[in-house]
Each structure stands twice: as structure tokens, then as C-alpha cells.
Amino acid sequence: MTHRIFTTAVKDVYPHYVAKAEKKERTKDEVDEIIRWLTGFSQQELESHLEAATTFEDFFDRAQLHPNASQITGSVCGVKVQEVEDPLMQKIRYLDKLIDELAKGKAMEKILR
């Protein structure tokens, strides 16, 4: 079964990432930095994906996941990201976890392992 999030456009979720960060005195630039770190995209590539309404599936298919991504651990919505079996869902959860860490006030140096 395909999860609905796989076919959701990243641009539809992105404003929620930014809002979550800004609510905790963090910035859109920090959200972008996290996404670029995780995916290997440049700022221009990230913006192109947002404009093109790229789905999460295509977004992560085109990404070069950071070699340290497997060091991202902890829970998102009660699920340990390191135990998520579906590779695409795990990448989405990695991103969710990094945004959570940003919103909780963690230093960027610690977030970007």
C-alpha cells in the first residue's frame, strides 16, 4: 500500500515545516539548510522542486541523502525513525525529525550531525 504522503507535493508540507520552526523563533533559512543538508540539493534545486510541486517520492528519488543520515535517531509520532522499514518513509521521517529538533531549539551543529 502506498502512503498518501508519498504522492503529496513537498510544497504542500513545506509551509508547515517553516511555521513549526518560526513558532519557536527559528527561521525559514534554517529549514532550508536542513533540507539541503539531508538531500544534497542546492537552494536553487530546492526552490525548483517546491515550484514544480515535486512529490515526496520524486523528491527523495532525486536526492543524494547525506552519508550521516543514518545517525538520525529518535521518535516522530511515537515511531523510532531508525526502525522504519520502508526506505522512502524513513527518509521522510528523517526530515520530520530534523525539523522537530530545530523547533526544540537544538543547535544547528548538532542537528546537522
PDB file of N, CA and C in Angstrom:
ATOM      1  N   MET A   1       0.842  -1.193   0.000  1.00  0.00           N
ATOM      2  CA  MET A   1       0.000   0.000   0.000  1.00  0.00           C
ATOM      3  C   MET A   1       0.879   1.245   0.000  1.00  0.00           C
ATOM      4  N   THR A   2       0.577   2.161  -0.869  1.00  0.00           N
ATOM      5  CA  THR A   2       1.320   3.413  -0.953  1.00  0.00           C
ATOM      6  C   THR A   2       0.739   4.406   0.053  1.00  0.00           C
ATOM      7  N   HIS A   3       1.599   4.992   0.853  1.00  0.00           N
ATOM      8  CA  HIS A   3       1.158   6.010   1.804  1.00  0.00           C
ATOM      9  C   HIS A   3       0.830   7.287   1.044  1.00  0.00           C
ATOM     10  N   ARG A   4      -0.165   7.996   1.519  1.00  0.00           N
ATOM     11  CA  ARG A   4      -0.588   9.228   0.864  1.00  0.00           C
ATOM     12  C   ARG A   4       0.544  10.263   0.822  1.00  0.00           C
ATOM     13  N   ILE A   5       1.380  10.275   1.858  1.00  0.00           N
ATOM     14  CA  ILE A   5       2.467  11.254   1.913  1.00  0.00           C
ATOM     15  C   ILE A   5       3.420  11.098   0.726  1.00  0.00           C
ATOM     16  N   PHE A   6       3.575   9.876   0.193  1.00  0.00           N
ATOM     17  CA  PHE A   6       4.500   9.633  -0.918  1.00  0.00           C
ATOM     18  C   PHE A   6       4.125  10.448  -2.143  1.00  0.00           C
ATOM     19  N   THR A   7       2.818  10.606  -2.369  1.00  0.00           N
ATOM     20  CA  THR A   7       2.336  11.314  -3.552  1.00  0.00           C
ATOM     21  C   THR A   7       1.945  12.765  -3.249  1.00  0.00           C
ATOM     22  N   THR A   8       2.220  13.198  -2.026  1.00  0.00           N
ATOM     23  CA  THR A   8       1.959  14.586  -1.633  1.00  0.00           C
ATOM     24  C   THR A   8       3.114  15.458  -2.129  1.00  0.00           C
ATOM     25  N   ALA A   9       2.794  16.636  -2.603  1.00  0.00           N
ATOM     26  CA  ALA A   9       3.834  17.565  -3.053  1.00  0.00           C
ATOM     27  C   ALA A   9       4.576  18.117  -1.838  1.00  0.00           C
ATOM     28  N   VAL A  10       5.895  18.174  -1.943  1.00  0.00           N
ATOM     29  CA  VAL A  10       6.712  18.719  -0.858  1.00  0.00           C
ATOM     30  C   VAL A  10       6.270  20.149  -0.541  1.00  0.00           C
ATOM     31  N   LYS A  11       5.889  20.904  -1.580  1.00  0.00           N
ATOM     32  CA  LYS A  11       5.489  22.295  -1.365  1.00  0.00           C
ATOM     33  C   LYS A  11       4.228  22.412  -0.495  1.00  0.00           C
ATOM     34  N   ASP A  12       3.438  21.334  -0.416  1.00  0.00           N
ATOM     35  CA  ASP A  12       2.239  21.361   0.427  1.00  0.00           C
ATOM     36  C   ASP A  12       2.574  21.182   1.906  1.00  0.00           C
ATOM     37  N   VAL A  13       3.697  20.554   2.201  1.00  0.00           N
ATOM     38  CA  VAL A  13       4.107  20.300   3.585  1.00  0.00           C
ATOM     39  C   VAL A  13       5.128  21.337   4.053  1.00  0.00           C
ATOM     40  N   TYR A  14       5.899  21.840   3.116  1.00  0.00           N
ATOM     41  CA  TYR A  14       6.971  22.794   3.417  1.00  0.00           C
ATOM     42  C   TYR A  14       6.523  23.971   4.292  1.00  0.00           C
ATOM     43  N   PRO A  15       5.375  24.620   3.991  1.00  0.00           N
ATOM     44  CA  PRO A  15       4.961  25.748   4.846  1.00  0.00           C
ATOM     45  C   PRO A  15       4.739  25.328   6.303  1.00  0.00           C
ATOM     46  N   HIS A  16       4.369  24.078   6.523  1.00  0.00           N
ATOM     47  CA  HIS A  16       4.171  23.587   7.887  1.00  0.00           C
ATOM     48  C   HIS A  16       5.517  23.432   8.598  1.00  0.00           C
ATOM     49  N   TYR A  17       6.529  22.984   7.856  1.00  0.00           N
ATOM     50  CA  TYR A  17       7.886  22.912   8.424  1.00  0.00           C
ATOM     51  C   TYR A  17       8.347  24.305   8.847  1.00  0.00           C
ATOM     52  N   VAL A  18       8.157  25.278   7.952  1.00  0.00           N
ATOM     53  CA  VAL A  18       8.590  26.648   8.231  1.00  0.00           C
ATOM     54  C   VAL A  18       7.804  27.233   9.404  1.00  0.00           C
ATOM     55  N   ALA A  19       6.497  27.025   9.422  1.00  0.00           N
ATOM     56  CA  ALA A  19       5.658  27.554  10.504  1.00  0.00           C
ATOM     57  C   ALA A  19       6.065  26.954  11.850  1.00  0.00           C
ATOM     58  N   LYS A  20       6.338  25.660  11.856  1.00  0.00           N
ATOM     59  CA  LYS A  20       6.754  24.980  13.092  1.00  0.00           C
ATOM     60  C   LYS A  20       8.050  25.594  13.615  1.00  0.00           C
ATOM     61  N   ALA A  21       8.992  25.857  12.708  1.00  0.00           N
ATOM     62  CA  ALA A  21      10.278  26.447  13.088  1.00  0.00           C
ATOM     63  C   ALA A  21      10.081  27.889  13.585  1.00  0.00           C
ATOM     64  N   GLU A  22       9.314  28.678  12.828  1.00  0.00           N
ATOM     65  CA  GLU A  22       9.148  30.094  13.155  1.00  0.00           C
ATOM     66  C   GLU A  22       8.396  30.289  14.469  1.00  0.00           C
ATOM     67  N   LYS A  23       7.509  29.356  14.786  1.00  0.00           N
ATOM     68  CA  LYS A  23       6.784  29.425  16.050  1.00  0.00           C
ATOM     69  C   LYS A  23       7.747  29.346  17.233  1.00  0.00           C
ATOM     70  N   LYS A  24       8.895  28.727  17.002  1.00  0.00           N
ATOM     71  CA  LYS A  24       9.905  28.556  18.051  1.00  0.00           C
ATOM     72  C   LYS A  24      11.118  29.453  17.829  1.00  0.00           C
ATOM     73  N   GLU A  25      10.878  30.591  17.128  1.00  0.00           N
ATOM     74  CA  GLU A  25      11.939  31.573  16.908  1.00  0.00           C
ATOM     75  C   GLU A  25      13.081  31.069  16.014  1.00  0.00           C
ATOM     76  N   ARG A  26      12.817  30.102  15.161  1.00  0.00           N
ATOM     77  CA  ARG A  26      13.814  29.658  14.184  1.00  0.00           C
ATOM     78  C   ARG A  26      13.392  30.207  12.827  1.00  0.00           C
ATOM     79  N   THR A  27      14.192  29.972  11.784  1.00  0.00           N
ATOM     80  CA  THR A  27      13.928  30.657  10.517  1.00  0.00           C
ATOM     81  C   THR A  27      13.711  29.702   9.343  1.00  0.00           C
ATOM     82  N   LYS A  28      13.111  30.269   8.281  1.00  0.00           N
ATOM     83  CA  LYS A  28      12.946  29.542   7.024  1.00  0.00           C
ATOM     84  C   LYS A  28      14.313  29.147   6.479  1.00  0.00           C
ATOM     85  N   ASP A  29      15.302  30.028   6.614  1.00  0.00           N
ATOM     86  CA  ASP A  29      16.655  29.718   6.139  1.00  0.00           C
ATOM     87  C   ASP A  29      17.219  28.475   6.826  1.00  0.00           C
ATOM     88  N   GLU A  30      16.933  28.332   8.122  1.00  0.00           N
ATOM     89  CA  GLU A  30      17.403  27.140   8.843  1.00  0.00           C
ATOM     90  C   GLU A  30      16.692  25.885   8.352  1.00  0.00           C
ATOM     91  N   VAL A  31      15.389  26.007   8.063  1.00  0.00           N
ATOM     92  CA  VAL A  31      14.643  24.873   7.497  1.00  0.00           C
ATOM     93  C   VAL A  31      15.265  24.481   6.158  1.00  0.00           C
ATOM     94  N   ASP A  32      15.536  25.475   5.315  1.00  0.00           N
ATOM     95  CA  ASP A  32      16.153  25.207   4.008  1.00  0.00           C
ATOM     96  C   ASP A  32      17.528  24.562   4.171  1.00  0.00           C
ATOM     97  N   GLU A  33      18.305  25.043   5.136  1.00  0.00           N
ATOM     98  CA  GLU A  33      19.634  24.484   5.364  1.00  0.00           C
ATOM     99  C   GLU A  33      19.540  23.002   5.744  1.00  0.00           C
ATOM    100  N   ILE A  34      18.580  22.669   6.587  1.00  0.00           N
ATOM    101  CA  ILE A  34      18.369  21.274   6.986  1.00  0.00           C
ATOM    102  C   ILE A  34      17.995  20.426   5.767  1.00  0.00           C
ATOM    103  N   ILE A  35      17.080  20.923   4.956  1.00  0.00           N
ATOM    104  CA  ILE A  35      16.644  20.156   3.774  1.00  0.00           C
ATOM    105  C   ILE A  35      17.819  19.975   2.809  1.00  0.00           C
ATOM    106  N   ARG A  36      18.598  21.044   2.608  1.00  0.00           N
ATOM    107  CA  ARG A  36      19.759  20.939   1.712  1.00  0.00           C
ATOM    108  C   ARG A  36      20.782  19.945   2.257  1.00  0.00           C
ATOM    109  N   TRP A  37      21.011  19.975   3.563  1.00  0.00           N
ATOM    110  CA  TRP A  37      21.973  19.046   4.191  1.00  0.00           C
ATOM    111  C   TRP A  37      21.523  17.600   3.968  1.00  0.00           C
ATOM    112  N   LEU A  38      20.233  17.337   4.230  1.00  0.00           N
ATOM    113  CA  LEU A  38      19.720  15.966   4.126  1.00  0.00           C
ATOM    114  C   LEU A  38      19.700  15.462   2.689  1.00  0.00           C
ATOM    115  N   THR A  39      19.312  16.326   1.748  1.00  0.00           N
ATOM    116  CA  THR A  39      19.064  15.883   0.368  1.00  0.00           C
ATOM    117  C   THR A  39      20.225  16.106  -0.595  1.00  0.00           C
ATOM    118  N   GLY A  40      21.135  16.993  -0.239  1.00  0.00           N
ATOM    119  CA  GLY A  40      22.219  17.335  -1.155  1.00  0.00           C
ATOM    120  C   GLY A  40      21.815  18.335  -2.228  1.00  0.00           C
ATOM    121  N   PHE A  41      20.586  18.834  -2.176  1.00  0.00           N
ATOM    122  CA  PHE A  41      20.131  19.815  -3.154  1.00  0.00           C
ATOM    123  C   PHE A  41      20.736  21.181  -2.857  1.00  0.00           C
ATOM    124  N   SER A  42      20.941  21.967  -3.908  1.00  0.00           N
ATOM    125  CA  SER A  42      21.312  23.376  -3.734  1.00  0.00           C
ATOM    126  C   SER A  42      20.024  24.135  -3.398  1.00  0.00           C
ATOM    127  N   GLN A  43      20.164  25.393  -2.988  1.00  0.00           N
ATOM    128  CA  GLN A  43      18.978  26.211  -2.707  1.00  0.00           C
ATOM    129  C   GLN A  43      18.131  26.345  -3.969  1.00  0.00           C
ATOM    130  N   GLN A  44      18.786  26.520  -5.121  1.00  0.00           N
ATOM    131  CA  GLN A  44      18.061  26.658  -6.388  1.00  0.00           C
ATOM    132  C   GLN A  44      17.296  25.378  -6.716  1.00  0.00           C
ATOM    133  N   GLU A  45      17.928  24.221  -6.497  1.00  0.00           N
ATOM    134  CA  GLU A  45      17.246  22.943  -6.760  1.00  0.00           C
ATOM    135  C   GLU A  45      16.050  22.771  -5.825  1.00  0.00           C
ATOM    136  N   LEU A  46      16.244  23.110  -4.550  1.00  0.00           N
ATOM    137  CA  LEU A  46      15.144  23.013  -3.586  1.00  0.00           C
ATOM    138  C   LEU A  46      13.972  23.876  -4.037  1.00  0.00           C
ATOM    139  N   GLU A  47      14.260  25.119  -4.394  1.00  0.00           N
ATOM    140  CA  GLU A  47      13.201  26.028  -4.839  1.00  0.00           C
ATOM    141  C   GLU A  47      12.522  25.520  -6.110  1.00  0.00           C
ATOM    142  N   SER A  48      13.283  24.920  -7.007  1.00  0.00           N
ATOM    143  CA  SER A  48      12.699  24.351  -8.235  1.00  0.00           C
ATOM    144  C   SER A  48      11.731  23.219  -7.899  1.00  0.00           C
ATOM    145  N   HIS A  49      12.115  22.364  -6.949  1.00  0.00           N
ATOM    146  CA  HIS A  49      11.219  21.264  -6.548  1.00  0.00           C
ATOM    147  C   HIS A  49       9.937  21.808  -5.914  1.00  0.00           C
ATOM    148  N   LEU A  50      10.069  22.862  -5.115  1.00  0.00           N
ATOM    149  CA  LEU A  50       8.882  23.457  -4.495  1.00  0.00           C
ATOM    150  C   LEU A  50       7.976  24.059  -5.570  1.00  0.00           C
ATOM    151  N   GLU A  51       8.560  24.780  -6.523  1.00  0.00           N
ATOM    152  CA  GLU A  51       7.772  25.388  -7.606  1.00  0.00           C
ATOM    153  C   GLU A  51       7.108  24.336  -8.487  1.00  0.00           C
ATOM    154  N   ALA A  52       7.811  23.227  -8.722  1.00  0.00           N
ATOM    155  CA  ALA A  52       7.303  22.185  -9.622  1.00  0.00           C
ATOM    156  C   ALA A  52       6.312  21.245  -8.933  1.00  0.00           C
ATOM    157  N   ALA A  53       6.080  21.451  -7.647  1.00  0.00           N
ATOM    158  CA  ALA A  53       5.186  20.580  -6.868  1.00  0.00           C
ATOM    159  C   ALA A  53       5.635  19.113  -6.933  1.00  0.00           C
ATOM    160  N   THR A  54       6.937  18.902  -6.794  1.00  0.00           N
ATOM    161  CA  THR A  54       7.513  17.550  -6.787  1.00  0.00           C
ATOM    162  C   THR A  54       6.943  16.761  -5.619  1.00  0.00           C
ATOM    163  N   THR A  55       6.574  15.510  -5.869  1.00  0.00           N
ATOM    164  CA  THR A  55       6.073  14.662  -4.778  1.00  0.00           C
ATOM    165  C   THR A  55       7.239  14.234  -3.887  1.00  0.00           C
ATOM    166  N   PHE A  56       6.929  13.813  -2.664  1.00  0.00           N
ATOM    167  CA  PHE A  56       7.986  13.322  -1.774  1.00  0.00           C
ATOM    168  C   PHE A  56       8.730  12.154  -2.412  1.00  0.00           C
ATOM    169  N   GLU A  57       7.996  11.300  -3.123  1.00  0.00           N
ATOM    170  CA  GLU A  57       8.616  10.151  -3.777  1.00  0.00           C
ATOM    171  C   GLU A  57       9.682  10.601  -4.782  1.00  0.00           C
ATOM    172  N   ASP A  58       9.327  11.521  -5.669  1.00  0.00           N
ATOM    173  CA  ASP A  58      10.274  12.018  -6.673  1.00  0.00           C
ATOM    174  C   ASP A  58      11.383  12.853  -6.037  1.00  0.00           C
ATOM    175  N   PHE A  59      11.024  13.623  -5.021  1.00  0.00           N
ATOM    176  CA  PHE A  59      11.983  14.484  -4.320  1.00  0.00           C
ATOM    177  C   PHE A  59      13.130  13.641  -3.749  1.00  0.00           C
ATOM    178  N   PHE A  60      12.776  12.579  -3.035  1.00  0.00           N
ATOM    179  CA  PHE A  60      13.814  11.748  -2.429  1.00  0.00           C
ATOM    180  C   PHE A  60      14.472  10.809  -3.437  1.00  0.00           C
ATOM    181  N   ASP A  61      13.775  10.493  -4.541  1.00  0.00           N
ATOM    182  CA  ASP A  61      14.416   9.716  -5.619  1.00  0.00           C
ATOM    183  C   ASP A  61      15.583  10.499  -6.222  1.00  0.00           C
ATOM    184  N   ARG A  62      15.426  11.816  -6.313  1.00  0.00           N
ATOM    185  CA  ARG A  62      16.443  12.661  -6.930  1.00  0.00           C
ATOM    186  C   ARG A  62      17.505  13.137  -5.934  1.00  0.00           C
ATOM    187  N   ALA A  63      17.235  12.956  -4.647  1.00  0.00           N
ATOM    188  CA  ALA A  63      18.157  13.435  -3.608  1.00  0.00           C
ATOM    189  C   ALA A  63      19.366  12.509  -3.465  1.00  0.00           C
ATOM    190  N   GLN A  64      20.466  13.098  -3.036  1.00  0.00           N
ATOM    191  CA  GLN A  64      21.657  12.346  -2.637  1.00  0.00           C
ATOM    192  C   GLN A  64      21.699  12.445  -1.113  1.00  0.00           C
ATOM    193  N   LEU A  65      21.089  11.455  -0.447  1.00  0.00           N
ATOM    194  CA  LEU A  65      20.962  11.511   1.007  1.00  0.00           C
ATOM    195  C   LEU A  65      22.332  11.654   1.673  1.00  0.00           C
ATOM    196  N   HIS A  66      22.402  12.527   2.653  1.00  0.00           N
ATOM    197  CA  HIS A  66      23.655  12.777   3.366  1.00  0.00           C
ATOM    198  C   HIS A  66      24.175  11.468   3.977  1.00  0.00           C
ATOM    199  N   PRO A  67      25.486  11.220   3.882  1.00  0.00           N
ATOM    200  CA  PRO A  67      26.052   9.971   4.424  1.00  0.00           C
ATOM    201  C   PRO A  67      25.789   9.775   5.922  1.00  0.00           C
ATOM    202  N   ASN A  68      25.578  10.867   6.657  1.00  0.00           N
ATOM    203  CA  ASN A  68      25.317  10.747   8.095  1.00  0.00           C
ATOM    204  C   ASN A  68      23.834  10.628   8.435  1.00  0.00           C
ATOM    205  N   ALA A  69      22.980  10.531   7.429  1.00  0.00           N
ATOM    206  CA  ALA A  69      21.537  10.464   7.692  1.00  0.00           C
ATOM    207  C   ALA A  69      21.179   9.291   8.595  1.00  0.00           C
ATOM    208  N   SER A  70      21.907   8.201   8.492  1.00  0.00           N
ATOM    209  CA  SER A  70      21.597   7.032   9.324  1.00  0.00           C
ATOM    210  C   SER A  70      21.864   7.294  10.806  1.00  0.00           C
ATOM    211  N   GLN A  71      22.547   8.397  11.116  1.00  0.00           N
ATOM    212  CA  GLN A  71      22.784   8.762  12.522  1.00  0.00           C
ATOM    213  C   GLN A  71      21.586   9.488  13.132  1.00  0.00           C
ATOM    214  N   ILE A  72      20.583   9.770  12.316  1.00  0.00           N
ATOM    215  CA  ILE A  72      19.374  10.433  12.820  1.00  0.00           C
ATOM    216  C   ILE A  72      18.549   9.365  13.543  1.00  0.00           C
ATOM    217  N   THR A  73      18.375   9.568  14.841  1.00  0.00           N
ATOM    218  CA  THR A  73      17.620   8.606  15.642  1.00  0.00           C
ATOM    219  C   THR A  73      16.611   9.359  16.494  1.00  0.00           C
ATOM    220  N   GLY A  74      15.710   8.605  17.067  1.00  0.00           N
ATOM    221  CA  GLY A  74      14.688   9.191  17.913  1.00  0.00           C
ATOM    222  C   GLY A  74      13.316   8.918  17.333  1.00  0.00           C
ATOM    223  N   SER A  75      12.310   9.458  18.001  1.00  0.00           N
ATOM    224  CA  SER A  75      10.931   9.167  17.612  1.00  0.00           C
ATOM    225  C   SER A  75      10.241  10.360  16.973  1.00  0.00           C
ATOM    226  N   VAL A  76       9.407  10.037  15.987  1.00  0.00           N
ATOM    227  CA  VAL A  76       8.495  11.007  15.383  1.00  0.00           C
ATOM    228  C   VAL A  76       7.135  10.356  15.431  1.00  0.00           C
ATOM    229  N   CYS A  77       6.195  11.013  16.075  1.00  0.00           N
ATOM    230  CA  CYS A  77       4.838  10.454  16.226  1.00  0.00           C
ATOM    231  C   CYS A  77       4.896   9.062  16.864  1.00  0.00           C
ATOM    232  N   GLY A  78       5.782   8.882  17.816  1.00  0.00           N
ATOM    233  CA  GLY A  78       5.872   7.615  18.534  1.00  0.00           C
ATOM    234  C   GLY A  78       6.549   6.492  17.773  1.00  0.00           C
ATOM    235  N   VAL A  79       7.099   6.791  16.590  1.00  0.00           N
ATOM    236  CA  VAL A  79       7.780   5.773  15.786  1.00  0.00           C
ATOM    237  C   VAL A  79       9.265   6.104  15.745  1.00  0.00           C
ATOM    238  N   LYS A  80      10.105   5.138  16.076  1.00  0.00           N
ATOM    239  CA  LYS A  80      11.553   5.360  16.025  1.00  0.00           C
ATOM    240  C   LYS A  80      11.995   5.407  14.560  1.00  0.00           C
ATOM    241  N   VAL A  81      12.600   6.519  14.155  1.00  0.00           N
ATOM    242  CA  VAL A  81      12.967   6.693  12.749  1.00  0.00           C
ATOM    243  C   VAL A  81      13.951   5.624  12.282  1.00  0.00           C
ATOM    244  N   GLN A  82      14.813   5.173  13.167  1.00  0.00           N
ATOM    245  CA  GLN A  82      15.795   4.161  12.784  1.00  0.00           C
ATOM    246  C   GLN A  82      15.164   2.787  12.561  1.00  0.00           C
ATOM    247  N   GLU A  83      13.900   2.614  12.968  1.00  0.00           N
ATOM    248  CA  GLU A  83      13.222   1.324  12.803  1.00  0.00           C
ATOM    249  C   GLU A  83      12.187   1.307  11.686  1.00  0.00           C
ATOM    250  N   VAL A  84      12.027   2.425  10.981  1.00  0.00           N
ATOM    251  CA  VAL A  84      11.065   2.492   9.874  1.00  0.00           C
ATOM    252  C   VAL A  84      11.594   1.625   8.737  1.00  0.00           C
ATOM    253  N   GLU A  85      10.778   0.667   8.304  1.00  0.00           N
ATOM    254  CA  GLU A  85      11.236  -0.301   7.303  1.00  0.00           C
ATOM    255  C   GLU A  85      11.196   0.212   5.877  1.00  0.00           C
ATOM    256  N   ASP A  86      10.176   0.968   5.523  1.00  0.00           N
ATOM    257  CA  ASP A  86      10.072   1.475   4.155  1.00  0.00           C
ATOM    258  C   ASP A  86      11.126   2.556   3.947  1.00  0.00           C
ATOM    259  N   PRO A  87      12.016   2.399   2.962  1.00  0.00           N
ATOM    260  CA  PRO A  87      13.102   3.369   2.764  1.00  0.00           C
ATOM    261  C   PRO A  87      12.632   4.801   2.516  1.00  0.00           C
ATOM    262  N   LEU A  88      11.571   4.971   1.735  1.00  0.00           N
ATOM    263  CA  LEU A  88      11.070   6.319   1.466  1.00  0.00           C
ATOM    264  C   LEU A  88      10.455   6.923   2.725  1.00  0.00           C
ATOM    265  N   MET A  89       9.660   6.142   3.444  1.00  0.00           N
ATOM    266  CA  MET A  89       9.051   6.653   4.673  1.00  0.00           C
ATOM    267  C   MET A  89      10.141   7.027   5.678  1.00  0.00           C
ATOM    268  N   GLN A  90      11.213   6.256   5.717  1.00  0.00           N
ATOM    269  CA  GLN A  90      12.303   6.563   6.637  1.00  0.00           C
ATOM    270  C   GLN A  90      12.936   7.916   6.292  1.00  0.00           C
ATOM    271  N   LYS A  91      13.136   8.194   5.012  1.00  0.00           N
ATOM    272  CA  LYS A  91      13.715   9.475   4.597  1.00  0.00           C
ATOM    273  C   LYS A  91      12.795  10.632   4.990  1.00  0.00           C
ATOM    274  N   ILE A  92      11.501  10.446   4.814  1.00  0.00           N
ATOM    275  CA  ILE A  92      10.533  11.481   5.202  1.00  0.00           C
ATOM    276  C   ILE A  92      10.587  11.690   6.709  1.00  0.00           C
ATOM    277  N   ARG A  93      10.675  10.596   7.464  1.00  0.00           N
ATOM    278  CA  ARG A  93      10.766  10.684   8.930  1.00  0.00           C
ATOM    279  C   ARG A  93      12.068  11.331   9.372  1.00  0.00           C
ATOM    280  N   TYR A  94      13.159  11.081   8.634  1.00  0.00           N
ATOM    281  CA  TYR A  94      14.421  11.768   8.939  1.00  0.00           C
ATOM    282  C   TYR A  94      14.198  13.276   8.879  1.00  0.00           C
ATOM    283  N   LEU A  95      13.558  13.722   7.803  1.00  0.00           N
ATOM    284  CA  LEU A  95      13.303  15.148   7.633  1.00  0.00           C
ATOM    285  C   LEU A  95      12.412  15.665   8.761  1.00  0.00           C
ATOM    286  N   ASP A  96      11.349  14.936   9.077  1.00  0.00           N
ATOM    287  CA  ASP A  96      10.455  15.330  10.171  1.00  0.00           C
ATOM    288  C   ASP A  96      11.236  15.476  11.476  1.00  0.00           C
ATOM    289  N   LYS A  97      12.116  14.519  11.748  1.00  0.00           N
ATOM    290  CA  LYS A  97      12.889  14.519  12.987  1.00  0.00           C
ATOM    291  C   LYS A  97      13.825  15.726  13.046  1.00  0.00           C
ATOM    292  N   LEU A  98      14.485  16.044  11.933  1.00  0.00           N
ATOM    293  CA  LEU A  98      15.385  17.196  11.913  1.00  0.00           C
ATOM    294  C   LEU A  98      14.630  18.500  12.154  1.00  0.00           C
ATOM    295  N   ILE A  99      13.444  18.623  11.579  1.00  0.00           N
ATOM    296  CA  ILE A  99      12.621  19.822  11.786  1.00  0.00           C
ATOM    297  C   ILE A  99      12.161  19.883  13.241  1.00  0.00           C
ATOM    298  N   ASP A 100      11.802  18.735  13.815  1.00  0.00           N
ATOM    299  CA  ASP A 100      11.435  18.683  15.244  1.00  0.00           C
ATOM    300  C   ASP A 100      12.589  19.173  16.114  1.00  0.00           C
ATOM    301  N   GLU A 101      13.795  18.715  15.807  1.00  0.00           N
ATOM    302  CA  GLU A 101      14.968  19.115  16.588  1.00  0.00           C
ATOM    303  C   GLU A 101      15.195  20.620  16.481  1.00  0.00           C
ATOM    304  N   LEU A 102      15.001  21.169  15.290  1.00  0.00           N
ATOM    305  CA  LEU A 102      15.131  22.610  15.092  1.00  0.00           C
ATOM    306  C   LEU A 102      14.113  23.350  15.962  1.00  0.00           C
ATOM    307  N   ALA A 103      12.866  22.897  15.923  1.00  0.00           N
ATOM    308  CA  ALA A 103      11.793  23.547  16.680  1.00  0.00           C
ATOM    309  C   ALA A 103      12.003  23.411  18.192  1.00  0.00           C
ATOM    310  N   LYS A 104      12.737  22.403  18.601  1.00  0.00           N
ATOM    311  CA  LYS A 104      13.000  22.219  20.039  1.00  0.00           C
ATOM    312  C   LYS A 104      14.217  23.008  20.503  1.00  0.00           C
ATOM    313  N   GLY A 105      14.795  23.792  19.584  1.00  0.00           N
ATOM    314  CA  GLY A 105      15.882  24.675  19.971  1.00  0.00           C
ATOM    315  C   GLY A 105      17.277  24.082  19.897  1.00  0.00           C
ATOM    316  N   LYS A 106      17.394  22.920  19.301  1.00  0.00           N
ATOM    317  CA  LYS A 106      18.707  22.290  19.186  1.00  0.00           C
ATOM    318  C   LYS A 106      19.613  23.122  18.274  1.00  0.00           C
ATOM    319  N   ALA A 107      20.894  23.176  18.587  1.00  0.00           N
ATOM    320  CA  ALA A 107      21.853  23.930  17.779  1.00  0.00           C
ATOM    321  C   ALA A 107      22.008  23.282  16.414  1.00  0.00           C
ATOM    322  N   MET A 108      22.180  24.118  15.376  1.00  0.00           N
ATOM    323  CA  MET A 108      22.319  23.608  14.006  1.00  0.00           C
ATOM    324  C   MET A 108      23.490  22.629  13.884  1.00  0.00           C
ATOM    325  N   GLU A 109      24.590  22.887  14.596  1.00  0.00           N
ATOM    326  CA  GLU A 109      25.740  21.985  14.506  1.00  0.00           C
ATOM    327  C   GLU A 109      25.380  20.567  14.971  1.00  0.00           C
ATOM    328  N   LYS A 110      24.468  20.493  15.939  1.00  0.00           N
ATOM    329  CA  LYS A 110      24.048  19.180  16.448  1.00  0.00           C
ATOM    330  C   LYS A 110      23.007  18.540  15.527  1.00  0.00           C
ATOM    331  N   ILE A 111      22.149  19.352  14.932  1.00  0.00           N
ATOM    332  CA  ILE A 111      21.129  18.840  14.015  1.00  0.00           C
ATOM    333  C   ILE A 111      21.809  18.262  12.764  1.00  0.00           C
ATOM    334  N   LEU A 112      22.782  19.000  12.243  1.00  0.00           N
ATOM    335  CA  LEU A 112      23.465  18.594  11.007  1.00  0.00           C
ATOM    336  C   LEU A 112      24.687  17.732  11.333  1.00  0.00           C
ATOM    337  N   ARG A 113      24.433  16.705  12.061  1.00  0.00           N
ATOM    338  CA  ARG A 113      25.413  15.722  12.543  1.00  0.00           C
ATOM    339  C   ARG A 113      26.712  15.719  11.791  1.00  0.00           C
TER     340      ARG A 113
END
